[in-house]
Amino acid sequence: MPRIARLLFADDDQEGADRQTASLAGLAVALLLVVIGLFLVRTLHAKCVVEDCLLAGRSNCDSVLLASH
């Protein structure tokens, strides 16, 4: 195989590897954002339940707080 042909194939292999690395990095960032989003949803829901209990004028909201964990 001529030297120029080997260099061209090496560049294609490197570009493919770079594309795969970038795709995996993008997937990791997307998964991290999903995990953070789920954590925020759970936390905000728990706070909402306690706030609803307090706004309803109840005095036993401690049981609601313990049940939400």
N, C-alpha and C. Protein backbone atom coordinates (compact mmCIF):
# COMPACT_ATOMS: atom_id res chain seq x y z
N MET A 1 0.86 -1.17 0.00
CA MET A 1 0.00 0.00 0.00
C MET A 1 0.91 1.23 0.00
N PRO A 2 0.63 2.19 -0.84
CA PRO A 2 1.45 3.40 -0.89
C PRO A 2 1.34 4.19 0.42
N ARG A 3 2.35 4.96 0.67
CA ARG A 3 2.44 5.72 1.91
C ARG A 3 1.29 6.72 2.02
N ILE A 4 0.93 7.37 0.95
CA ILE A 4 -0.14 8.38 0.98
C ILE A 4 -1.47 7.72 1.33
N ALA A 5 -1.74 6.56 0.80
CA ALA A 5 -2.99 5.86 1.11
C ALA A 5 -3.04 5.50 2.59
N ARG A 6 -1.93 5.08 3.17
CA ARG A 6 -1.90 4.76 4.61
C ARG A 6 -2.18 5.99 5.44
N LEU A 7 -1.64 7.14 5.05
CA LEU A 7 -1.89 8.37 5.79
C LEU A 7 -3.34 8.79 5.71
N LEU A 8 -3.98 8.60 4.55
CA LEU A 8 -5.39 8.96 4.41
C LEU A 8 -6.27 8.08 5.28
N PHE A 9 -6.01 6.80 5.33
CA PHE A 9 -6.80 5.90 6.17
C PHE A 9 -6.57 6.18 7.65
N ALA A 10 -5.37 6.56 8.02
CA ALA A 10 -5.08 6.89 9.42
C ALA A 10 -5.88 8.13 9.84
N ASP A 11 -6.00 9.11 8.95
CA ASP A 11 -6.79 10.30 9.26
C ASP A 11 -8.26 9.96 9.44
N ASP A 12 -8.79 9.08 8.59
CA ASP A 12 -10.19 8.67 8.71
C ASP A 12 -10.43 7.94 10.03
N ASP A 13 -9.49 7.08 10.42
CA ASP A 13 -9.62 6.36 11.69
C ASP A 13 -9.60 7.32 12.87
N GLN A 14 -8.72 8.32 12.81
CA GLN A 14 -8.62 9.29 13.90
C GLN A 14 -9.89 10.14 13.98
N GLU A 15 -10.43 10.54 12.83
CA GLU A 15 -11.67 11.32 12.84
C GLU A 15 -12.82 10.50 13.42
N GLY A 16 -12.87 9.24 13.09
CA GLY A 16 -13.92 8.38 13.64
C GLY A 16 -13.79 8.24 15.15
N ALA A 17 -12.57 8.10 15.63
CA ALA A 17 -12.34 7.98 17.07
C ALA A 17 -12.70 9.29 17.77
N ASP A 18 -12.36 10.42 17.16
CA ASP A 18 -12.70 11.71 17.75
C ASP A 18 -14.21 11.91 17.80
N ARG A 19 -14.91 11.49 16.76
CA ARG A 19 -16.36 11.61 16.73
C ARG A 19 -17.00 10.74 17.82
N GLN A 20 -16.46 9.54 18.00
CA GLN A 20 -17.00 8.64 19.01
C GLN A 20 -16.77 9.21 20.41
N THR A 21 -15.60 9.79 20.64
CA THR A 21 -15.30 10.39 21.94
C THR A 21 -16.24 11.56 22.20
N ALA A 22 -16.46 12.40 21.21
CA ALA A 22 -17.36 13.54 21.37
C ALA A 22 -18.79 13.06 21.64
N SER A 23 -19.22 12.01 20.98
CA SER A 23 -20.56 11.49 21.19
C SER A 23 -20.72 10.94 22.61
N LEU A 24 -19.72 10.23 23.08
CA LEU A 24 -19.78 9.69 24.44
C LEU A 24 -19.77 10.81 25.48
N ALA A 25 -19.00 11.85 25.23
CA ALA A 25 -18.99 12.99 26.15
C ALA A 25 -20.36 13.67 26.16
N GLY A 26 -20.98 13.81 25.02
CA GLY A 26 -22.31 14.40 24.95
C GLY A 26 -23.34 13.56 25.67
N LEU A 27 -23.24 12.25 25.54
CA LEU A 27 -24.15 11.34 26.23
C LEU A 27 -23.96 11.45 27.74
N ALA A 28 -22.72 11.55 28.20
CA ALA A 28 -22.45 11.67 29.63
C ALA A 28 -23.04 12.97 30.18
N VAL A 29 -22.91 14.06 29.45
CA VAL A 29 -23.48 15.34 29.88
C VAL A 29 -25.00 15.26 29.93
N ALA A 30 -25.60 14.64 28.93
CA ALA A 30 -27.06 14.51 28.91
C ALA A 30 -27.55 13.67 30.09
N LEU A 31 -26.87 12.59 30.38
CA LEU A 31 -27.26 11.76 31.53
C LEU A 31 -27.10 12.51 32.84
N LEU A 32 -26.05 13.29 32.97
CA LEU A 32 -25.85 14.09 34.17
C LEU A 32 -26.98 15.09 34.34
N LEU A 33 -27.40 15.73 33.26
CA LEU A 33 -28.51 16.68 33.33
C LEU A 33 -29.82 15.99 33.72
N VAL A 34 -30.04 14.78 33.23
CA VAL A 34 -31.25 14.03 33.59
C VAL A 34 -31.24 13.70 35.08
N VAL A 35 -30.11 13.26 35.60
CA VAL A 35 -30.02 12.92 37.03
C VAL A 35 -30.24 14.16 37.89
N ILE A 36 -29.63 15.27 37.52
CA ILE A 36 -29.83 16.51 38.28
C ILE A 36 -31.29 16.95 38.21
N GLY A 37 -31.90 16.83 37.04
CA GLY A 37 -33.31 17.19 36.90
C GLY A 37 -34.22 16.34 37.76
N LEU A 38 -33.96 15.04 37.80
CA LEU A 38 -34.78 14.16 38.65
C LEU A 38 -34.61 14.49 40.13
N PHE A 39 -33.39 14.79 40.53
CA PHE A 39 -33.15 15.19 41.92
C PHE A 39 -33.93 16.46 42.26
N LEU A 40 -33.90 17.44 41.37
CA LEU A 40 -34.63 18.68 41.61
C LEU A 40 -36.13 18.46 41.68
N VAL A 41 -36.65 17.62 40.81
CA VAL A 41 -38.09 17.34 40.82
C VAL A 41 -38.51 16.70 42.14
N ARG A 42 -37.72 15.73 42.60
CA ARG A 42 -38.06 15.08 43.88
C ARG A 42 -38.00 16.05 45.04
N THR A 43 -36.96 16.88 45.07
CA THR A 43 -36.80 17.84 46.16
C THR A 43 -37.93 18.87 46.16
N LEU A 44 -38.23 19.41 44.99
CA LEU A 44 -39.30 20.41 44.92
C LEU A 44 -40.67 19.82 45.24
N HIS A 45 -40.90 18.58 44.86
CA HIS A 45 -42.19 17.94 45.19
C HIS A 45 -42.33 17.77 46.70
N ALA A 46 -41.26 17.35 47.35
CA ALA A 46 -41.32 17.17 48.81
C ALA A 46 -41.59 18.50 49.50
N LYS A 47 -40.96 19.56 49.05
CA LYS A 47 -41.19 20.87 49.65
C LYS A 47 -42.61 21.36 49.37
N CYS A 48 -43.12 21.05 48.21
CA CYS A 48 -44.48 21.45 47.84
C CYS A 48 -45.51 20.76 48.74
N VAL A 49 -45.29 19.49 49.03
CA VAL A 49 -46.23 18.75 49.87
C VAL A 49 -46.27 19.34 51.28
N VAL A 50 -45.10 19.66 51.83
CA VAL A 50 -45.04 20.25 53.17
C VAL A 50 -45.68 21.63 53.16
N GLU A 51 -45.40 22.42 52.13
CA GLU A 51 -45.98 23.76 52.04
C GLU A 51 -47.50 23.70 51.93
N ASP A 52 -48.01 22.76 51.14
CA ASP A 52 -49.46 22.60 51.04
C ASP A 52 -50.07 22.24 52.39
N CYS A 53 -49.39 21.40 53.13
CA CYS A 53 -49.87 21.01 54.46
C CYS A 53 -49.92 22.23 55.38
N LEU A 54 -48.86 23.03 55.36
CA LEU A 54 -48.82 24.21 56.22
C LEU A 54 -49.86 25.24 55.81
N LEU A 55 -50.05 25.44 54.50
CA LEU A 55 -51.03 26.40 54.04
C LEU A 55 -52.46 25.96 54.32
N ALA A 56 -52.66 24.67 54.48
CA ALA A 56 -54.00 24.17 54.83
C ALA A 56 -54.30 24.39 56.30
N GLY A 57 -53.33 24.85 57.06
CA GLY A 57 -53.56 25.16 58.47
C GLY A 57 -53.41 23.96 59.38
N ARG A 58 -52.84 22.91 58.90
CA ARG A 58 -52.67 21.72 59.73
C ARG A 58 -51.48 21.92 60.67
N SER A 59 -51.54 21.22 61.80
CA SER A 59 -50.45 21.34 62.77
C SER A 59 -49.59 20.08 62.83
N ASN A 60 -49.95 19.03 62.11
CA ASN A 60 -49.20 17.78 62.16
C ASN A 60 -48.43 17.54 60.86
N CYS A 61 -47.79 18.56 60.32
CA CYS A 61 -47.08 18.43 59.06
C CYS A 61 -45.77 17.67 59.21
N ASP A 62 -45.35 17.40 60.44
CA ASP A 62 -44.15 16.61 60.65
C ASP A 62 -44.33 15.20 60.08
N SER A 63 -45.52 14.64 60.22
CA SER A 63 -45.77 13.30 59.68
C SER A 63 -45.71 13.31 58.16
N VAL A 64 -46.14 14.38 57.53
CA VAL A 64 -46.06 14.49 56.08
C VAL A 64 -44.60 14.59 55.65
N LEU A 65 -43.82 15.33 56.41
CA LEU A 65 -42.40 15.49 56.11
C LEU A 65 -41.67 14.16 56.24
N LEU A 66 -41.97 13.39 57.25
CA LEU A 66 -41.30 12.10 57.44
C LEU A 66 -41.76 11.09 56.39
N ALA A 67 -43.02 11.15 55.98
CA ALA A 67 -43.54 10.20 54.99
C ALA A 67 -42.99 10.48 53.59
N SER A 68 -42.58 11.71 53.32
CA SER A 68 -42.09 12.04 51.99
C SER A 68 -40.67 11.57 51.75
N HIS A 69 -39.95 11.23 52.78
CA HIS A 69 -38.58 10.73 52.61
C HIS A 69 -38.65 9.26 52.45
